[in-house]
Amino acid sequence: MLPRITPYPVPTGFGLAHSKVDWRPDPARAALLVHDMQQYFLAPFGTADRAPVARVVDNIAALRKHAHELGMPVVYSAQPGGQSRTERGLLQDFWGDGPPPDEHALAVVDALAPAPGDIRLTKRRYSAFVGTPLAEILAEHGRDQLVVTGVYAHIGILATTLDAFMRDLQPFVVADAVADFSPAHHRDALRHVADRCGVVATAAEVTESLLAADPRHP
């Protein structure tokens, strides 16, 4: 029941300069979330070299590299395949059966395959906090910031960001490291975050802030 997605450019006009709050990502406080970057959810975009997926994958890969170098936890969320009606809950009514029990469909796209030491969460609802130990994991690592990347911006990304905000965790949605059904959906999600519950920044801005806050970098 996922729509076919027409290629589109990442919306512009979002960034730290437009933030309502003065939060900045800090590698000692932040974790990186790679949200639902599974083949099943990327298939509607077509081939991996099409916009905006190619840029999003590249930016997530770069952010993950910096996160590893800076000692930040990297957390992956992914939905399981072949869920029962009970497991799906009300998602069944909107989206049908969800991912099939197919290894390829369930896999995270190759360029972002989790590395040893990365944390994997199984999620069954929009928010990556619901039914998972994400909040506990962040607390165990002493993290009160979450850098959010992945798909889809107006669904799971927005729900997770709102959830983080309501748990007093500072969320940072990376404008060019998330994707959506359309540029309108993408822009609306970013605008809602920027206006109500978090910071929207580009991958370059997040990287610059993380490196600037790390004492090992001049």
C-alpha atoms as a PDB file:
ATOM      1  CA  MET A   1       0.000   0.000   0.000  1.00  0.00           C
ATOM      2  CA  LEU A   2       3.001   2.297  -0.253  1.00  0.00           C
ATOM      3  CA  PRO A   3       2.748   4.840  -3.082  1.00  0.00           C
ATOM      4  CA  ARG A   4       5.064   5.060  -6.052  1.00  0.00           C
ATOM      5  CA  ILE A   5       7.309   8.049  -5.351  1.00  0.00           C
ATOM      6  CA  THR A   6       8.358  10.455  -8.081  1.00  0.00           C
ATOM      7  CA  PRO A   7      11.931  11.789  -7.788  1.00  0.00           C
ATOM      8  CA  TYR A   8      12.136  15.227  -6.220  1.00  0.00           C
ATOM      9  CA  PRO A   9      14.807  17.626  -4.915  1.00  0.00           C
ATOM     10  CA  VAL A  10      15.302  17.909  -1.156  1.00  0.00           C
ATOM     11  CA  PRO A  11      13.455  20.987   0.153  1.00  0.00           C
ATOM     12  CA  THR A  12      15.690  23.926   0.997  1.00  0.00           C
ATOM     13  CA  GLY A  13      15.352  26.867   3.367  1.00  0.00           C
ATOM     14  CA  PHE A  14      15.873  24.879   6.559  1.00  0.00           C
ATOM     15  CA  GLY A  15      18.911  25.095   8.786  1.00  0.00           C
ATOM     16  CA  LEU A  16      20.392  26.109  12.109  1.00  0.00           C
ATOM     17  CA  ALA A  17      20.086  29.806  11.252  1.00  0.00           C
ATOM     18  CA  HIS A  18      16.300  29.414  11.257  1.00  0.00           C
ATOM     19  CA  SER A  19      16.059  27.425  14.494  1.00  0.00           C
ATOM     20  CA  LYS A  20      13.761  28.672  17.262  1.00  0.00           C
ATOM     21  CA  VAL A  21      16.090  27.231  19.910  1.00  0.00           C
ATOM     22  CA  ASP A  22      19.840  27.378  20.439  1.00  0.00           C
ATOM     23  CA  TRP A  23      20.364  23.614  20.674  1.00  0.00           C
ATOM     24  CA  ARG A  24      23.411  22.241  18.890  1.00  0.00           C
ATOM     25  CA  PRO A  25      24.323  18.563  18.465  1.00  0.00           C
ATOM     26  CA  ASP A  26      27.152  17.483  20.759  1.00  0.00           C
ATOM     27  CA  PRO A  27      28.928  14.131  20.290  1.00  0.00           C
ATOM     28  CA  ALA A  28      29.046  13.646  24.069  1.00  0.00           C
ATOM     29  CA  ARG A  29      25.259  13.989  24.279  1.00  0.00           C
ATOM     30  CA  ALA A  30      23.891  12.735  20.959  1.00  0.00           C
ATOM     31  CA  ALA A  31      23.042   9.408  19.373  1.00  0.00           C
ATOM     32  CA  LEU A  32      22.372   8.857  15.663  1.00  0.00           C
ATOM     33  CA  LEU A  33      19.135   7.141  14.620  1.00  0.00           C
ATOM     34  CA  VAL A  34      18.913   5.495  11.191  1.00  0.00           C
ATOM     35  CA  HIS A  35      15.175   5.045  10.864  1.00  0.00           C
ATOM     36  CA  ASP A  36      13.674   2.244   8.721  1.00  0.00           C
ATOM     37  CA  MET A  37      16.170   2.412   5.846  1.00  0.00           C
ATOM     38  CA  GLN A  38      15.051  -1.007   4.640  1.00  0.00           C
ATOM     39  CA  GLN A  39      14.732  -2.113   1.037  1.00  0.00           C
ATOM     40  CA  TYR A  40      10.966  -2.436   1.472  1.00  0.00           C
ATOM     41  CA  PHE A  41      10.564   1.240   2.357  1.00  0.00           C
ATOM     42  CA  LEU A  42      13.047   2.455  -0.266  1.00  0.00           C
ATOM     43  CA  ALA A  43      11.582   0.424  -3.129  1.00  0.00           C
ATOM     44  CA  PRO A  44       8.861   3.037  -3.904  1.00  0.00           C
ATOM     45  CA  PHE A  45      11.613   5.526  -4.818  1.00  0.00           C
ATOM     46  CA  GLY A  46      12.822   3.285  -7.640  1.00  0.00           C
ATOM     47  CA  THR A  47      16.535   2.755  -8.172  1.00  0.00           C
ATOM     48  CA  ALA A  48      18.999   3.835  -5.515  1.00  0.00           C
ATOM     49  CA  ASP A  49      20.589   6.469  -7.768  1.00  0.00           C
ATOM     50  CA  ARG A  50      17.404   8.561  -7.988  1.00  0.00           C
ATOM     51  CA  ALA A  51      16.629  11.712  -6.021  1.00  0.00           C
ATOM     52  CA  PRO A  52      16.259  12.102  -3.156  1.00  0.00           C
ATOM     53  CA  VAL A  53      17.386   8.623  -2.035  1.00  0.00           C
ATOM     54  CA  ALA A  54      20.931   8.791  -3.408  1.00  0.00           C
ATOM     55  CA  ARG A  55      21.665  12.009  -1.531  1.00  0.00           C
ATOM     56  CA  VAL A  56      19.940  10.810   1.631  1.00  0.00           C
ATOM     57  CA  VAL A  57      21.896   7.550   1.723  1.00  0.00           C
ATOM     58  CA  ASP A  58      25.188   9.365   1.118  1.00  0.00           C
ATOM     59  CA  ASN A  59      24.464  11.846   3.899  1.00  0.00           C
ATOM     60  CA  ILE A  60      23.441   9.158   6.377  1.00  0.00           C
ATOM     61  CA  ALA A  61      26.589   7.201   5.546  1.00  0.00           C
ATOM     62  CA  ALA A  62      28.717  10.292   6.198  1.00  0.00           C
ATOM     63  CA  LEU A  63      26.937  11.035   9.477  1.00  0.00           C
ATOM     64  CA  ARG A  64      27.360   7.423  10.584  1.00  0.00           C
ATOM     65  CA  LYS A  65      31.078   7.586   9.814  1.00  0.00           C
ATOM     66  CA  HIS A  66      31.465  10.700  11.967  1.00  0.00           C
ATOM     67  CA  ALA A  67      29.328   9.152  14.718  1.00  0.00           C
ATOM     68  CA  HIS A  68      31.592   6.113  14.861  1.00  0.00           C
ATOM     69  CA  GLU A  69      34.699   8.287  14.945  1.00  0.00           C
ATOM     70  CA  LEU A  70      33.246  10.476  17.703  1.00  0.00           C
ATOM     71  CA  GLY A  71      32.072   7.591  19.864  1.00  0.00           C
ATOM     72  CA  MET A  72      28.361   8.266  19.377  1.00  0.00           C
ATOM     73  CA  PRO A  73      25.885   5.389  19.603  1.00  0.00           C
ATOM     74  CA  VAL A  74      24.371   4.505  16.235  1.00  0.00           C
ATOM     75  CA  VAL A  75      20.878   3.032  16.460  1.00  0.00           C
ATOM     76  CA  TYR A  76      18.948   1.365  13.633  1.00  0.00           C
ATOM     77  CA  SER A  77      15.203   0.840  13.640  1.00  0.00           C
ATOM     78  CA  ALA A  78      13.645  -1.731  11.340  1.00  0.00           C
ATOM     79  CA  GLN A  79      10.269  -3.360  10.973  1.00  0.00           C
ATOM     80  CA  PRO A  80       9.962  -7.158  10.966  1.00  0.00           C
ATOM     81  CA  GLY A  81       8.304  -9.039   8.145  1.00  0.00           C
ATOM     82  CA  GLY A  82       5.175 -11.138   8.158  1.00  0.00           C
ATOM     83  CA  GLN A  83       3.619  -9.496  11.194  1.00  0.00           C
ATOM     84  CA  SER A  84       0.334 -10.831  12.513  1.00  0.00           C
ATOM     85  CA  ARG A  85      -2.811  -8.714  12.650  1.00  0.00           C
ATOM     86  CA  THR A  86      -2.265  -8.321  16.400  1.00  0.00           C
ATOM     87  CA  GLU A  87       1.323  -7.150  15.887  1.00  0.00           C
ATOM     88  CA  ARG A  88       0.255  -4.688  13.201  1.00  0.00           C
ATOM     89  CA  GLY A  89      -2.581  -3.214  15.233  1.00  0.00           C
ATOM     90  CA  LEU A  90      -4.170  -0.169  13.618  1.00  0.00           C
ATOM     91  CA  LEU A  91      -1.321   0.112  11.106  1.00  0.00           C
ATOM     92  CA  GLN A  92      -3.056  -2.749   9.297  1.00  0.00           C
ATOM     93  CA  ASP A  93      -6.049  -0.548   8.561  1.00  0.00           C
ATOM     94  CA  PHE A  94      -3.946   2.182   6.958  1.00  0.00           C
ATOM     95  CA  TRP A  95      -1.067   0.264   5.352  1.00  0.00           C
ATOM     96  CA  GLY A  96      -2.063  -3.361   5.016  1.00  0.00           C
ATOM     97  CA  ASP A  97       0.245  -6.229   5.871  1.00  0.00           C
ATOM     98  CA  GLY A  98       3.493  -4.263   5.923  1.00  0.00           C
ATOM     99  CA  PRO A  99       6.871  -5.764   5.028  1.00  0.00           C
ATOM    100  CA  PRO A 100       6.781  -9.362   3.815  1.00  0.00           C
ATOM    101  CA  PRO A 101       8.876 -12.122   5.416  1.00  0.00           C
ATOM    102  CA  ASP A 102      11.532 -11.644   2.740  1.00  0.00           C
ATOM    103  CA  GLU A 103      15.207 -11.263   3.651  1.00  0.00           C
ATOM    104  CA  HIS A 104      15.966  -8.792   0.864  1.00  0.00           C
ATOM    105  CA  ALA A 105      12.945  -6.597   1.570  1.00  0.00           C
ATOM    106  CA  LEU A 106      13.744  -6.453   5.288  1.00  0.00           C
ATOM    107  CA  ALA A 107      17.447  -5.703   4.862  1.00  0.00           C
ATOM    108  CA  VAL A 108      18.845  -2.248   5.453  1.00  0.00           C
ATOM    109  CA  VAL A 109      20.158  -0.845   2.162  1.00  0.00           C
ATOM    110  CA  ASP A 110      23.687  -2.145   1.555  1.00  0.00           C
ATOM    111  CA  ALA A 111      25.416   1.232   1.818  1.00  0.00           C
ATOM    112  CA  LEU A 112      24.061   1.631   5.346  1.00  0.00           C
ATOM    113  CA  ALA A 113      24.289  -1.938   6.627  1.00  0.00           C
ATOM    114  CA  PRO A 114      24.808  -1.846  10.412  1.00  0.00           C
ATOM    115  CA  ALA A 115      28.397  -2.164  11.587  1.00  0.00           C
ATOM    116  CA  PRO A 116      29.532  -4.283  14.531  1.00  0.00           C
ATOM    117  CA  GLY A 117      28.594  -2.431  17.693  1.00  0.00           C
ATOM    118  CA  ASP A 118      25.665  -0.585  16.148  1.00  0.00           C
ATOM    119  CA  ILE A 119      22.364  -1.078  17.960  1.00  0.00           C
ATOM    120  CA  ARG A 120      19.385  -2.633  16.196  1.00  0.00           C
ATOM    121  CA  LEU A 121      15.786  -2.137  17.264  1.00  0.00           C
ATOM    122  CA  THR A 122      12.696  -3.951  16.045  1.00  0.00           C
ATOM    123  CA  LYS A 123       9.792  -1.511  15.807  1.00  0.00           C
ATOM    124  CA  ARG A 124       6.142  -1.994  14.920  1.00  0.00           C
ATOM    125  CA  ARG A 125       4.734   1.515  15.291  1.00  0.00           C
ATOM    126  CA  TYR A 126       5.473   4.929  13.814  1.00  0.00           C
ATOM    127  CA  SER A 127       7.664   6.100  16.688  1.00  0.00           C
ATOM    128  CA  ALA A 128      10.958   4.317  17.252  1.00  0.00           C
ATOM    129  CA  PHE A 129      10.325   4.697  21.000  1.00  0.00           C
ATOM    130  CA  VAL A 130       7.066   2.730  21.099  1.00  0.00           C
ATOM    131  CA  GLY A 131       7.540  -0.930  21.997  1.00  0.00           C
ATOM    132  CA  THR A 132      11.347  -0.650  21.892  1.00  0.00           C
ATOM    133  CA  PRO A 133      14.065   0.026  24.489  1.00  0.00           C
ATOM    134  CA  LEU A 134      15.268   3.167  22.683  1.00  0.00           C
ATOM    135  CA  ALA A 135      14.653   5.480  25.654  1.00  0.00           C
ATOM    136  CA  GLU A 136      16.475   3.110  27.990  1.00  0.00           C
ATOM    137  CA  ILE A 137      19.383   2.734  25.570  1.00  0.00           C
ATOM    138  CA  LEU A 138      19.802   6.500  25.323  1.00  0.00           C
ATOM    139  CA  ALA A 139      19.682   6.821  29.112  1.00  0.00           C
ATOM    140  CA  GLU A 140      22.252   4.043  29.569  1.00  0.00           C
ATOM    141  CA  HIS A 141      24.613   5.877  27.223  1.00  0.00           C
ATOM    142  CA  GLY A 142      23.989   9.218  28.929  1.00  0.00           C
ATOM    143  CA  ARG A 143      22.401  10.700  25.799  1.00  0.00           C
ATOM    144  CA  ASP A 144      19.815  13.476  25.775  1.00  0.00           C
ATOM    145  CA  GLN A 145      20.020  14.353  22.076  1.00  0.00           C
ATOM    146  CA  LEU A 146      18.906  12.339  19.046  1.00  0.00           C
ATOM    147  CA  VAL A 147      20.005  12.991  15.463  1.00  0.00           C
ATOM    148  CA  VAL A 148      17.202  11.591  13.301  1.00  0.00           C
ATOM    149  CA  THR A 149      17.643  10.304   9.732  1.00  0.00           C
ATOM    150  CA  GLY A 150      15.754   7.933   7.433  1.00  0.00           C
ATOM    151  CA  VAL A 151      12.207   7.490   6.080  1.00  0.00           C
ATOM    152  CA  TYR A 152       9.467   8.630   5.958  1.00  0.00           C
ATOM    153  CA  ALA A 153       9.703  12.241   7.120  1.00  0.00           C
ATOM    154  CA  HIS A 154       5.994  12.895   7.767  1.00  0.00           C
ATOM    155  CA  ILE A 155       5.323   9.507   9.381  1.00  0.00           C
ATOM    156  CA  GLY A 156       7.940   7.697  11.470  1.00  0.00           C
ATOM    157  CA  ILE A 157      10.483  10.521  11.481  1.00  0.00           C
ATOM    158  CA  LEU A 158       7.943  13.056  12.705  1.00  0.00           C
ATOM    159  CA  ALA A 159       6.402  10.663  15.247  1.00  0.00           C
ATOM    160  CA  THR A 160       9.811   9.743  16.651  1.00  0.00           C
ATOM    161  CA  THR A 161      10.857  13.398  16.826  1.00  0.00           C
ATOM    162  CA  LEU A 162       7.694  14.389  18.662  1.00  0.00           C
ATOM    163  CA  ASP A 163       8.168  11.455  21.026  1.00  0.00           C
ATOM    164  CA  ALA A 164      11.775  12.455  21.745  1.00  0.00           C
ATOM    165  CA  PHE A 165      10.712  16.041  22.439  1.00  0.00           C
ATOM    166  CA  MET A 166       8.020  14.899  24.872  1.00  0.00           C
ATOM    167  CA  ARG A 167      10.656  12.831  26.696  1.00  0.00           C
ATOM    168  CA  ASP A 168      12.874  15.932  27.096  1.00  0.00           C
ATOM    169  CA  LEU A 169      15.359  14.647  24.536  1.00  0.00           C
ATOM    170  CA  GLN A 170      16.571  17.258  22.049  1.00  0.00           C
ATOM    171  CA  PRO A 171      15.827  16.005  18.507  1.00  0.00           C
ATOM    172  CA  PHE A 172      17.699  17.099  15.385  1.00  0.00           C
ATOM    173  CA  VAL A 173      16.101  16.130  12.082  1.00  0.00           C
ATOM    174  CA  VAL A 174      18.585  16.167   9.227  1.00  0.00           C
ATOM    175  CA  ALA A 175      16.762  17.824   6.325  1.00  0.00           C
ATOM    176  CA  ASP A 176      18.827  16.182   3.583  1.00  0.00           C
ATOM    177  CA  ALA A 177      19.132  12.816   5.332  1.00  0.00           C
ATOM    178  CA  VAL A 178      15.388  12.084   5.393  1.00  0.00           C
ATOM    179  CA  ALA A 179      13.011  11.371   2.517  1.00  0.00           C
ATOM    180  CA  ASP A 180       9.275  11.232   1.975  1.00  0.00           C
ATOM    181  CA  PHE A 181       6.395  10.550  -0.405  1.00  0.00           C
ATOM    182  CA  SER A 182       6.681  13.972  -2.036  1.00  0.00           C
ATOM    183  CA  PRO A 183       8.438  17.325  -1.632  1.00  0.00           C
ATOM    184  CA  ALA A 184       5.263  18.695  -0.022  1.00  0.00           C
ATOM    185  CA  HIS A 185       5.178  15.928   2.590  1.00  0.00           C
ATOM    186  CA  HIS A 186       8.917  16.370   3.180  1.00  0.00           C
ATOM    187  CA  ARG A 187       8.669  20.141   3.599  1.00  0.00           C
ATOM    188  CA  ASP A 188       5.581  19.950   5.829  1.00  0.00           C
ATOM    189  CA  ALA A 189       7.313  17.500   8.159  1.00  0.00           C
ATOM    190  CA  LEU A 190      10.422  19.666   8.416  1.00  0.00           C
ATOM    191  CA  ARG A 191       8.322  22.763   9.045  1.00  0.00           C
ATOM    192  CA  HIS A 192       6.378  21.067  11.828  1.00  0.00           C
ATOM    193  CA  VAL A 193       9.590  19.973  13.540  1.00  0.00           C
ATOM    194  CA  ALA A 194      11.188  23.394  13.199  1.00  0.00           C
ATOM    195  CA  ASP A 195       8.080  25.152  14.503  1.00  0.00           C
ATOM    196  CA  ARG A 196       7.084  22.814  17.315  1.00  0.00           C
ATOM    197  CA  CYS A 197       9.477  20.192  18.567  1.00  0.00           C
ATOM    198  CA  GLY A 198      13.072  20.230  17.369  1.00  0.00           C
ATOM    199  CA  VAL A 199      15.859  21.530  15.210  1.00  0.00           C
ATOM    200  CA  VAL A 200      16.075  20.995  11.465  1.00  0.00           C
ATOM    201  CA  ALA A 201      19.597  21.169  10.061  1.00  0.00           C
ATOM    202  CA  THR A 202      21.507  19.973   7.038  1.00  0.00           C
ATOM    203  CA  ALA A 203      23.953  17.073   7.217  1.00  0.00           C
ATOM    204  CA  ALA A 204      26.828  19.537   6.762  1.00  0.00           C
ATOM    205  CA  GLU A 205      25.603  21.667   9.669  1.00  0.00           C
ATOM    206  CA  VAL A 206      25.178  18.675  11.959  1.00  0.00           C
ATOM    207  CA  THR A 207      28.644  17.428  11.067  1.00  0.00           C
ATOM    208  CA  GLU A 208      30.186  20.849  11.657  1.00  0.00           C
ATOM    209  CA  SER A 209      28.497  21.159  15.059  1.00  0.00           C
ATOM    210  CA  LEU A 210      29.540  17.675  16.139  1.00  0.00           C
ATOM    211  CA  LEU A 211      33.152  18.228  15.143  1.00  0.00           C
ATOM    212  CA  ALA A 212      33.243  21.707  16.722  1.00  0.00           C
ATOM    213  CA  ALA A 213      32.018  20.291  20.043  1.00  0.00           C
ATOM    214  CA  ASP A 214      34.610  17.514  20.082  1.00  0.00           C
ATOM    215  CA  PRO A 215      37.738  18.535  22.023  1.00  0.00           C
ATOM    216  CA  ARG A 216      39.930  16.467  19.697  1.00  0.00           C
ATOM    217  CA  HIS A 217      39.129  18.753  16.764  1.00  0.00           C
ATOM    218  CA  PRO A 218      40.595  22.263  16.627  1.00  0.00           C
END
